[in-house]
């Protein structure tokens, strides 16, 4: 990865990777966009993310895997536990190995689940 860490756009971030990795990131991005067309693409924590009634999903690339992160609550991981079982997971992220096909349908289903959850949660009270 390049030493630049002040990305303004997802394209800037994606452009720092080799073409095969860029292709995977673009596939993930497209799956998210198609699952929730009203989501706004942003940079958060120096990686691409989507906002839809709050943070929807973060996506990024590493040496051997792509990472998808969901902010709390982590109910999306419970809801999709079975489908996610083949993947390395932490409390907030899933690692998708670069040497395997991306589960784009699963990504889209998870984004739809999270978008619905975000939309239905009560707005935060102003202090």
Protein backbone atom coordinates (compact mmCIF):
# COMPACT_ATOMS: atom_id res chain seq x y z
CA UNK A 1 0.00 0.00 0.00
CA UNK A 2 1.23 3.50 -0.70
CA UNK A 3 2.43 5.73 2.14
CA UNK A 4 -0.29 8.29 1.37
CA UNK A 5 -2.95 8.10 4.05
CA UNK A 6 -5.10 11.15 3.50
CA UNK A 7 -7.60 9.75 1.02
CA UNK A 8 -10.40 12.04 -0.07
CA UNK A 9 -12.28 9.50 -2.21
CA UNK A 10 -12.74 5.76 -2.57
CA UNK A 11 -11.23 5.99 -6.06
CA UNK A 12 -8.03 7.44 -4.55
CA UNK A 13 -7.86 4.58 -2.05
CA UNK A 14 -8.64 1.88 -4.63
CA UNK A 15 -6.10 3.36 -7.05
CA UNK A 16 -3.22 2.56 -4.69
CA UNK A 17 -3.58 -1.20 -5.21
CA UNK A 18 -2.48 -3.58 -8.01
CA UNK A 19 -5.12 -4.02 -10.72
CA UNK A 20 -6.33 -7.46 -9.51
CA UNK A 21 -6.98 -6.02 -6.04
CA UNK A 22 -8.63 -2.93 -7.53
CA UNK A 23 -10.98 -5.22 -9.44
CA UNK A 24 -12.02 -6.99 -6.22
CA UNK A 25 -12.57 -3.67 -4.42
CA UNK A 26 -14.68 -2.41 -7.33
CA UNK A 27 -16.79 -5.61 -7.23
CA UNK A 28 -17.40 -5.13 -3.49
CA UNK A 29 -18.22 -1.44 -4.06
CA UNK A 30 -20.68 -2.31 -6.84
CA UNK A 31 -22.40 -4.98 -4.70
CA UNK A 32 -22.86 -2.42 -1.89
CA UNK A 33 -24.14 0.28 -4.27
CA UNK A 34 -26.63 -2.11 -5.89
CA UNK A 35 -27.84 -3.35 -2.51
CA UNK A 36 -28.47 0.18 -1.21
CA UNK A 37 -28.44 2.75 -4.03
CA UNK A 38 -29.20 5.64 -1.63
CA UNK A 39 -26.08 5.06 0.47
CA UNK A 40 -23.45 7.82 0.32
CA UNK A 41 -19.85 6.80 -0.31
CA UNK A 42 -17.39 8.38 2.12
CA UNK A 43 -13.88 7.91 3.48
CA UNK A 44 -13.84 7.03 7.18
CA UNK A 45 -10.77 5.86 9.12
CA UNK A 46 -8.90 6.32 5.82
CA UNK A 47 -10.83 3.53 4.09
CA UNK A 48 -13.93 3.57 1.86
CA UNK A 49 -17.26 3.36 3.65
CA UNK A 50 -20.92 3.92 2.97
CA UNK A 51 -23.35 5.97 5.05
CA UNK A 52 -27.06 5.26 5.11
CA UNK A 53 -28.87 6.50 8.23
CA UNK A 54 -25.51 6.11 9.96
CA UNK A 55 -22.46 4.04 9.00
CA UNK A 56 -23.48 1.12 6.82
CA UNK A 57 -20.27 -0.73 5.93
CA UNK A 58 -16.51 -0.21 5.54
CA UNK A 59 -14.42 -2.09 2.98
CA UNK A 60 -10.67 -2.33 2.48
CA UNK A 61 -7.87 -4.50 1.12
CA UNK A 62 -4.81 -6.04 2.74
CA UNK A 63 -2.01 -8.30 1.53
CA UNK A 64 -4.03 -11.50 1.18
CA UNK A 65 -7.63 -10.54 1.93
CA UNK A 66 -10.39 -7.99 1.56
CA UNK A 67 -12.01 -6.79 4.76
CA UNK A 68 -15.63 -5.82 5.36
CA UNK A 69 -16.43 -4.09 8.63
CA UNK A 70 -19.75 -3.23 10.16
CA UNK A 71 -20.05 -0.81 13.08
CA UNK A 72 -22.02 -1.84 16.18
CA UNK A 73 -24.51 -3.28 16.79
CA UNK A 74 -23.01 -6.45 15.36
CA UNK A 75 -26.35 -8.18 14.70
CA UNK A 76 -25.43 -8.61 11.02
CA UNK A 77 -22.82 -11.21 12.08
CA UNK A 78 -25.44 -13.13 14.08
CA UNK A 79 -27.98 -12.97 11.25
CA UNK A 80 -25.49 -14.33 8.71
CA UNK A 81 -23.46 -16.58 11.02
CA UNK A 82 -23.94 -19.71 8.92
CA UNK A 83 -23.03 -18.08 5.59
CA UNK A 84 -20.01 -16.39 7.20
CA UNK A 85 -18.67 -19.57 8.82
CA UNK A 86 -16.05 -20.23 6.09
CA UNK A 87 -14.41 -16.83 6.71
CA UNK A 88 -12.02 -15.45 9.31
CA UNK A 89 -13.92 -13.03 11.49
CA UNK A 90 -13.37 -10.65 14.37
CA UNK A 91 -16.03 -8.88 16.40
CA UNK A 92 -16.52 -6.23 13.71
CA UNK A 93 -14.92 -7.52 10.50
CA UNK A 94 -14.90 -10.36 7.98
CA UNK A 95 -11.81 -11.34 6.00
CA UNK A 96 -12.47 -12.48 2.44
CA UNK A 97 -9.42 -14.29 1.00
CA UNK A 98 -8.21 -12.85 -2.31
CA UNK A 99 -7.60 -16.31 -3.74
CA UNK A 100 -11.31 -17.24 -3.55
CA UNK A 101 -14.33 -15.79 -5.40
CA UNK A 102 -15.97 -12.89 -3.60
CA UNK A 103 -19.39 -13.73 -2.05
CA UNK A 104 -21.06 -10.74 -3.74
CA UNK A 105 -24.62 -11.97 -3.15
CA UNK A 106 -23.86 -12.45 0.55
CA UNK A 107 -22.29 -8.97 0.73
CA UNK A 108 -25.43 -7.48 -0.86
CA UNK A 109 -27.72 -9.37 1.55
CA UNK A 110 -25.70 -8.17 4.54
CA UNK A 111 -25.79 -4.57 3.29
CA UNK A 112 -29.58 -4.76 2.82
CA UNK A 113 -29.94 -6.18 6.33
CA UNK A 114 -27.80 -3.43 7.83
CA UNK A 115 -29.51 -0.67 5.79
CA UNK A 116 -32.91 -1.80 7.09
CA UNK A 117 -31.53 -1.93 10.63
CA UNK A 118 -30.03 1.57 10.32
CA UNK A 119 -33.22 3.00 8.85
CA UNK A 120 -35.39 1.52 11.60
CA UNK A 121 -33.26 2.55 14.57
CA UNK A 122 -34.52 5.58 16.46
CA UNK A 123 -32.61 8.80 15.78
CA UNK A 124 -30.03 9.75 18.37
CA UNK A 125 -31.30 12.33 20.82
CA UNK A 126 -29.59 15.71 20.65
CA UNK A 127 -27.92 16.65 23.92
